[in-house]
PDB file of all heavy atoms in Angstrom:
ATOM      1  N   ALA A   1     -16.180  55.200  66.696  1.00  0.00           N
ATOM      2  CA  ALA A   1     -15.479  55.766  67.853  1.00  0.00           C
ATOM      3  C   ALA A   1     -14.062  55.216  67.809  1.00  0.00           C
ATOM      4  O   ALA A   1     -13.875  53.999  67.895  1.00  0.00           O
ATOM      5  CB  ALA A   1     -16.167  55.375  69.159  1.00  0.00           C
ATOM      6  N   CYS A   2     -13.072  56.096  67.679  1.00  0.00           N
ATOM      7  CA  CYS A   2     -11.732  55.565  67.407  1.00  0.00           C
ATOM      8  C   CYS A   2     -10.605  56.358  68.050  1.00  0.00           C
ATOM      9  O   CYS A   2      -9.460  56.269  67.597  1.00  0.00           O
ATOM     10  CB  CYS A   2     -11.510  55.473  65.899  1.00  0.00           C
ATOM     11  SG  CYS A   2     -11.669  57.068  65.048  1.00  0.00           S
ATOM     12  N   GLN A   3     -10.884  57.149  69.099  1.00  0.00           N
ATOM     13  CA  GLN A   3      -9.778  57.841  69.756  1.00  0.00           C
ATOM     14  C   GLN A   3      -8.801  56.819  70.319  1.00  0.00           C
ATOM     15  O   GLN A   3      -9.191  55.824  70.911  1.00  0.00           O
ATOM     16  CB  GLN A   3     -10.267  58.753  70.879  1.00  0.00           C
ATOM     17  CG  GLN A   3      -9.141  59.577  71.493  1.00  0.00           C
ATOM     18  CD  GLN A   3      -9.594  60.415  72.668  1.00  0.00           C
ATOM     19  OE1 GLN A   3     -10.600  60.118  73.301  1.00  0.00           O
ATOM     20  NE2 GLN A   3      -8.852  61.466  72.973  1.00  0.00           N
ATOM     21  N   GLY A   4      -7.520  57.075  70.176  1.00  0.00           N
ATOM     22  CA  GLY A   4      -6.509  56.132  70.637  1.00  0.00           C
ATOM     23  C   GLY A   4      -6.273  55.043  69.631  1.00  0.00           C
ATOM     24  O   GLY A   4      -5.154  54.851  69.149  1.00  0.00           O
ATOM     25  N   LEU A   5      -7.318  54.308  69.287  1.00  0.00           N
ATOM     26  CA  LEU A   5      -7.231  53.269  68.264  1.00  0.00           C
ATOM     27  C   LEU A   5      -6.784  53.868  66.949  1.00  0.00           C
ATOM     28  O   LEU A   5      -5.921  53.317  66.252  1.00  0.00           O
ATOM     29  CB  LEU A   5      -8.590  52.586  68.112  1.00  0.00           C
ATOM     30  CG  LEU A   5      -8.730  51.581  66.962  1.00  0.00           C
ATOM     31  CD1 LEU A   5      -7.813  50.385  67.184  1.00  0.00           C
ATOM     32  CD2 LEU A   5     -10.177  51.135  66.830  1.00  0.00           C
ATOM     33  N   GLY A   6      -7.373  54.990  66.562  1.00  0.00           N
ATOM     34  CA  GLY A   6      -6.994  55.673  65.335  1.00  0.00           C
ATOM     35  C   GLY A   6      -8.056  55.619  64.268  1.00  0.00           C
ATOM     36  O   GLY A   6      -8.751  54.611  64.096  1.00  0.00           O
ATOM     37  N   ALA A   7      -8.162  56.707  63.518  1.00  0.00           N
ATOM     38  CA  ALA A   7      -9.140  56.787  62.437  1.00  0.00           C
ATOM     39  C   ALA A   7      -8.881  55.774  61.350  1.00  0.00           C
ATOM     40  O   ALA A   7      -9.806  55.368  60.629  1.00  0.00           O
ATOM     41  CB  ALA A   7      -9.133  58.201  61.840  1.00  0.00           C
ATOM     42  N   SER A   8      -7.637  55.324  61.215  1.00  0.00           N
ATOM     43  CA  SER A   8      -7.313  54.325  60.189  1.00  0.00           C
ATOM     44  C   SER A   8      -7.965  52.981  60.480  1.00  0.00           C
ATOM     45  O   SER A   8      -7.861  52.057  59.680  1.00  0.00           O
ATOM     46  CB  SER A   8      -5.803  54.154  60.061  1.00  0.00           C
ATOM     47  OG  SER A   8      -5.209  53.803  61.308  1.00  0.00           O
ATOM     48  N   ALA A   9      -8.670  52.870  61.595  1.00  0.00           N
ATOM     49  CA  ALA A   9      -9.466  51.671  61.856  1.00  0.00           C
ATOM     50  C   ALA A   9     -10.645  51.570  60.909  1.00  0.00           C
ATOM     51  O   ALA A   9     -11.215  50.483  60.740  1.00  0.00           O
ATOM     52  CB  ALA A   9      -9.984  51.669  63.299  1.00  0.00           C
ATOM     53  N   TRP A  10     -11.007  52.728  60.262  1.00  0.00           N
ATOM     54  CA  TRP A  10     -12.169  52.646  59.360  1.00  0.00           C
ATOM     55  C   TRP A  10     -12.019  53.456  58.072  1.00  0.00           C
ATOM     56  O   TRP A  10     -12.852  53.339  57.183  1.00  0.00           O
ATOM     57  CB  TRP A  10     -13.460  52.997  60.084  1.00  0.00           C
ATOM     58  CG  TRP A  10     -13.610  54.412  60.575  1.00  0.00           C
ATOM     59  CD1 TRP A  10     -13.142  54.936  61.740  1.00  0.00           C
ATOM     60  CD2 TRP A  10     -14.310  55.487  59.927  1.00  0.00           C
ATOM     61  NE1 TRP A  10     -13.488  56.267  61.861  1.00  0.00           N
ATOM     62  CE2 TRP A  10     -14.218  56.618  60.760  1.00  0.00           C
ATOM     63  CE3 TRP A  10     -15.020  55.593  58.727  1.00  0.00           C
ATOM     64  CZ2 TRP A  10     -14.796  57.844  60.435  1.00  0.00           C
ATOM     65  CZ3 TRP A  10     -15.599  56.818  58.404  1.00  0.00           C
ATOM     66  CH2 TRP A  10     -15.484  57.910  59.251  1.00  0.00           C
ATOM     67  N   TRP A  11     -10.939  54.248  57.937  1.00  0.00           N
ATOM     68  CA  TRP A  11     -10.722  54.937  56.657  1.00  0.00           C
ATOM     69  C   TRP A  11      -9.237  55.240  56.472  1.00  0.00           C
ATOM     70  O   TRP A  11      -8.521  55.460  57.439  1.00  0.00           O
ATOM     71  CB  TRP A  11     -11.583  56.188  56.531  1.00  0.00           C
ATOM     72  CG  TRP A  11     -11.370  57.275  57.554  1.00  0.00           C
ATOM     73  CD1 TRP A  11     -11.799  57.290  58.841  1.00  0.00           C
ATOM     74  CD2 TRP A  11     -10.707  58.539  57.338  1.00  0.00           C
ATOM     75  NE1 TRP A  11     -11.456  58.465  59.461  1.00  0.00           N
ATOM     76  CE2 TRP A  11     -10.780  59.251  58.560  1.00  0.00           C
ATOM     77  CE3 TRP A  11     -10.076  59.139  56.254  1.00  0.00           C
ATOM     78  CZ2 TRP A  11     -10.241  60.528  58.727  1.00  0.00           C
ATOM     79  CZ3 TRP A  11      -9.532  60.409  56.410  1.00  0.00           C
ATOM     80  CH2 TRP A  11      -9.620  61.087  57.634  1.00  0.00           C
ATOM     81  N   PRO A  12      -8.758  55.253  55.225  1.00  0.00           N
ATOM     82  CA  PRO A  12      -7.340  55.493  54.963  1.00  0.00           C
ATOM     83  C   PRO A  12      -6.991  56.961  55.194  1.00  0.00           C
ATOM     84  O   PRO A  12      -7.688  57.859  54.709  1.00  0.00           O
ATOM     85  CB  PRO A  12      -7.171  55.136  53.474  1.00  0.00           C
ATOM     86  CG  PRO A  12      -8.441  54.465  53.064  1.00  0.00           C
ATOM     87  CD  PRO A  12      -9.503  54.958  53.982  1.00  0.00           C
ATOM     88  N   CYS A  13      -5.901  57.202  55.918  1.00  0.00           N
ATOM     89  CA  CYS A  13      -5.533  58.571  56.256  1.00  0.00           C
ATOM     90  C   CYS A  13      -4.076  58.627  56.699  1.00  0.00           C
ATOM     91  O   CYS A  13      -3.414  57.600  56.838  1.00  0.00           O
ATOM     92  CB  CYS A  13      -6.436  59.123  57.363  1.00  0.00           C
ATOM     93  SG  CYS A  13      -6.403  58.158  58.896  1.00  0.00           S
ATOM     94  N   LYS A  14      -3.604  59.812  56.902  1.00  0.00           N
ATOM     95  CA  LYS A  14      -2.306  60.040  57.547  1.00  0.00           C
ATOM     96  C   LYS A  14      -2.584  60.040  59.041  1.00  0.00           C
ATOM     97  O   LYS A  14      -2.913  61.067  59.629  1.00  0.00           O
ATOM     98  CB  LYS A  14      -1.728  61.383  57.084  1.00  0.00           C
ATOM     99  CG  LYS A  14      -0.303  61.656  57.539  1.00  0.00           C
ATOM    100  CD  LYS A  14       0.175  63.011  57.012  1.00  0.00           C
ATOM    101  CE  LYS A  14       1.655  63.222  57.237  1.00  0.00           C
ATOM    102  NZ  LYS A  14       2.116  64.540  56.694  1.00  0.00           N
ATOM    103  N   ASP A  15      -2.451  58.879  59.657  1.00  0.00           N
ATOM    104  CA  ASP A  15      -2.990  58.687  61.003  1.00  0.00           C
ATOM    105  C   ASP A  15      -1.971  59.041  62.080  1.00  0.00           C
ATOM    106  O   ASP A  15      -1.520  58.200  62.861  1.00  0.00           O
ATOM    107  CB  ASP A  15      -3.494  57.251  61.181  1.00  0.00           C
ATOM    108  CG  ASP A  15      -4.575  57.171  62.256  1.00  0.00           C
ATOM    109  OD1 ASP A  15      -4.912  58.211  62.839  1.00  0.00           O
ATOM    110  OD2 ASP A  15      -5.092  56.063  62.488  1.00  0.00           O
ATOM    111  N   HIS A  16      -1.618  60.302  62.102  1.00  0.00           N
ATOM    112  CA  HIS A  16      -0.795  60.864  63.177  1.00  0.00           C
ATOM    113  C   HIS A  16      -1.324  62.252  63.460  1.00  0.00           C
ATOM    114  O   HIS A  16      -1.635  63.011  62.543  1.00  0.00           O
ATOM    115  CB  HIS A  16       0.680  60.913  62.770  1.00  0.00           C
ATOM    116  CG  HIS A  16       1.600  61.183  63.929  1.00  0.00           C
ATOM    117  ND1 HIS A  16       1.663  62.405  64.562  1.00  0.00           N
ATOM    118  CD2 HIS A  16       2.488  60.376  64.568  1.00  0.00           C
ATOM    119  CE1 HIS A  16       2.552  62.350  65.544  1.00  0.00           C
ATOM    120  NE2 HIS A  16       3.064  61.127  65.563  1.00  0.00           N
ATOM    121  N   MET A  17      -1.377  62.609  64.742  1.00  0.00           N
ATOM    122  CA  MET A  17      -2.085  63.819  65.134  1.00  0.00           C
ATOM    123  C   MET A  17      -1.351  65.112  64.781  1.00  0.00           C
ATOM    124  O   MET A  17      -1.943  66.193  64.832  1.00  0.00           O
ATOM    125  CB  MET A  17      -2.365  63.775  66.637  1.00  0.00           C
ATOM    126  CG  MET A  17      -3.267  62.628  67.058  1.00  0.00           C
ATOM    127  SD  MET A  17      -4.978  62.867  66.558  1.00  0.00           S
ATOM    128  CE  MET A  17      -5.500  64.100  67.753  1.00  0.00           C
ATOM    129  N   TYR A  18      -0.088  65.023  64.423  1.00  0.00           N
ATOM    130  CA  TYR A  18       0.665  66.259  64.216  1.00  0.00           C
ATOM    131  C   TYR A  18       0.207  67.037  62.986  1.00  0.00           C
ATOM    132  O   TYR A  18       0.429  68.251  62.895  1.00  0.00           O
ATOM    133  CB  TYR A  18       2.163  65.957  64.109  1.00  0.00           C
ATOM    134  CG  TYR A  18       2.667  65.636  62.712  1.00  0.00           C
ATOM    135  CD1 TYR A  18       3.304  66.607  61.941  1.00  0.00           C
ATOM    136  CD2 TYR A  18       2.493  64.364  62.158  1.00  0.00           C
ATOM    137  CE1 TYR A  18       3.769  66.317  60.663  1.00  0.00           C
ATOM    138  CE2 TYR A  18       2.954  64.072  60.884  1.00  0.00           C
ATOM    139  CZ  TYR A  18       3.594  65.056  60.140  1.00  0.00           C
ATOM    140  OH  TYR A  18       4.047  64.772  58.878  1.00  0.00           O
ATOM    141  N   ASP A  19      -0.426  66.352  62.030  1.00  0.00           N
ATOM    142  CA  ASP A  19      -0.780  66.982  60.760  1.00  0.00           C
ATOM    143  C   ASP A  19      -2.282  66.852  60.526  1.00  0.00           C
ATOM    144  O   ASP A  19      -2.822  65.747  60.539  1.00  0.00           O
ATOM    145  CB  ASP A  19      -0.008  66.315  59.615  1.00  0.00           C
ATOM    146  CG  ASP A  19       0.006  67.144  58.342  1.00  0.00           C
ATOM    147  OD1 ASP A  19      -0.470  68.289  58.375  1.00  0.00           O
ATOM    148  OD2 ASP A  19       0.510  66.639  57.324  1.00  0.00           O
ATOM    149  N   GLU A  20      -2.951  67.988  60.332  1.00  0.00           N
ATOM    150  CA  GLU A  20      -4.389  68.011  60.084  1.00  0.00           C
ATOM    151  C   GLU A  20      -4.675  68.626  58.718  1.00  0.00           C
ATOM    152  O   GLU A  20      -3.948  69.523  58.281  1.00  0.00           O
ATOM    153  CB  GLU A  20      -5.114  68.834  61.155  1.00  0.00           C
ATOM    154  CG  GLU A  20      -5.010  68.287  62.559  1.00  0.00           C
ATOM    155  CD  GLU A  20      -5.752  69.134  63.581  1.00  0.00           C
ATOM    156  OE1 GLU A  20      -6.200  70.253  63.218  1.00  0.00           O
ATOM    157  OE2 GLU A  20      -5.879  68.703  64.732  1.00  0.00           O
ATOM    158  N   PRO A  21      -5.747  68.199  58.064  1.00  0.00           N
ATOM    159  CA  PRO A  21      -6.151  68.884  56.829  1.00  0.00           C
ATOM    160  C   PRO A  21      -6.714  70.260  57.162  1.00  0.00           C
ATOM    161  O   PRO A  21      -7.267  70.473  58.245  1.00  0.00           O
ATOM    162  CB  PRO A  21      -7.235  67.966  56.264  1.00  0.00           C
ATOM    163  CG  PRO A  21      -7.845  67.333  57.480  1.00  0.00           C
ATOM    164  CD  PRO A  21      -6.701  67.131  58.441  1.00  0.00           C
ATOM    165  N   ASP A  22      -6.587  71.173  56.240  1.00  0.00           N
ATOM    166  CA  ASP A  22      -7.160  72.505  56.440  1.00  0.00           C
ATOM    167  C   ASP A  22      -8.681  72.477  56.357  1.00  0.00           C
ATOM    168  O   ASP A  22      -9.364  73.329  56.933  1.00  0.00           O
ATOM    169  CB  ASP A  22      -6.618  73.471  55.382  1.00  0.00           C
ATOM    170  CG  ASP A  22      -5.098  73.576  55.425  1.00  0.00           C
ATOM    171  OD1 ASP A  22      -4.541  73.525  56.544  1.00  0.00           O
ATOM    172  OD2 ASP A  22      -4.477  73.686  54.356  1.00  0.00           O
ATOM    173  N   SER A  23      -9.215  71.522  55.619  1.00  0.00           N
ATOM    174  CA  SER A  23     -10.659  71.338  55.479  1.00  0.00           C
ATOM    175  C   SER A  23     -10.895  69.908  55.007  1.00  0.00           C
ATOM    176  O   SER A  23      -9.950  69.183  54.686  1.00  0.00           O
ATOM    177  CB  SER A  23     -11.254  72.351  54.485  1.00  0.00           C
ATOM    178  OG  SER A  23     -10.614  72.251  53.223  1.00  0.00           O
ATOM    179  N   MET A  24     -12.171  69.509  54.946  1.00  0.00           N
ATOM    180  CA  MET A  24     -12.462  68.117  54.614  1.00  0.00           C
ATOM    181  C   MET A  24     -13.882  67.982  54.076  1.00  0.00           C
ATOM    182  O   MET A  24     -14.812  68.641  54.556  1.00  0.00           O
ATOM    183  CB  MET A  24     -12.299  67.239  55.855  1.00  0.00           C
ATOM    184  CG  MET A  24     -12.544  65.758  55.619  1.00  0.00           C
ATOM    185  SD  MET A  24     -12.098  64.748  57.055  1.00  0.00           S
ATOM    186  CE  MET A  24     -12.395  63.103  56.384  1.00  0.00           C
ATOM    187  N   ALA A  25     -14.037  67.102  53.093  1.00  0.00           N
ATOM    188  CA  ALA A  25     -15.361  66.707  52.602  1.00  0.00           C
ATOM    189  C   ALA A  25     -15.601  65.250  53.000  1.00  0.00           C
ATOM    190  O   ALA A  25     -14.682  64.432  52.968  1.00  0.00           O
ATOM    191  CB  ALA A  25     -15.437  66.855  51.093  1.00  0.00           C
ATOM    192  N   ILE A  26     -16.832  64.948  53.378  1.00  0.00           N
ATOM    193  CA  ILE A  26     -17.205  63.604  53.813  1.00  0.00           C
ATOM    194  C   ILE A  26     -18.489  63.223  53.090  1.00  0.00           C
ATOM    195  O   ILE A  26     -19.518  63.907  53.242  1.00  0.00           O
ATOM    196  CB  ILE A  26     -17.428  63.542  55.340  1.00  0.00           C
ATOM    197  CG1 ILE A  26     -16.204  64.079  56.089  1.00  0.00           C
ATOM    198  CG2 ILE A  26     -17.745  62.113  55.788  1.00  0.00           C
ATOM    199  CD1 ILE A  26     -16.468  64.345  57.559  1.00  0.00           C
ATOM    200  N   SER A  27     -18.445  62.168  52.294  1.00  0.00           N
ATOM    201  CA  SER A  27     -19.620  61.694  51.547  1.00  0.00           C
ATOM    202  C   SER A  27     -19.927  60.277  52.004  1.00  0.00           C
ATOM    203  O   SER A  27     -19.107  59.371  51.826  1.00  0.00           O
ATOM    204  CB  SER A  27     -19.347  61.722  50.041  1.00  0.00           C
ATOM    205  OG  SER A  27     -19.065  63.038  49.610  1.00  0.00           O
ATOM    206  N   VAL A  28     -21.094  60.088  52.584  1.00  0.00           N
ATOM    207  CA  VAL A  28     -21.451  58.809  53.186  1.00  0.00           C
ATOM    208  C   VAL A  28     -22.718  58.280  52.529  1.00  0.00           C
ATOM    209  O   VAL A  28     -23.754  58.962  52.522  1.00  0.00           O
ATOM    210  CB  VAL A  28     -21.655  58.947  54.711  1.00  0.00           C
ATOM    211  CG1 VAL A  28     -21.935  57.587  55.334  1.00  0.00           C
ATOM    212  CG2 VAL A  28     -20.424  59.607  55.353  1.00  0.00           C
TER     213      VAL A  28
END
């Protein structure tokens, strides 16, 4: 759960809301 804190609390990303990927794969 990372709203506000940011997704970069647990994975590397471009952690600003202005830019989103068009799609995404997630392997856990």
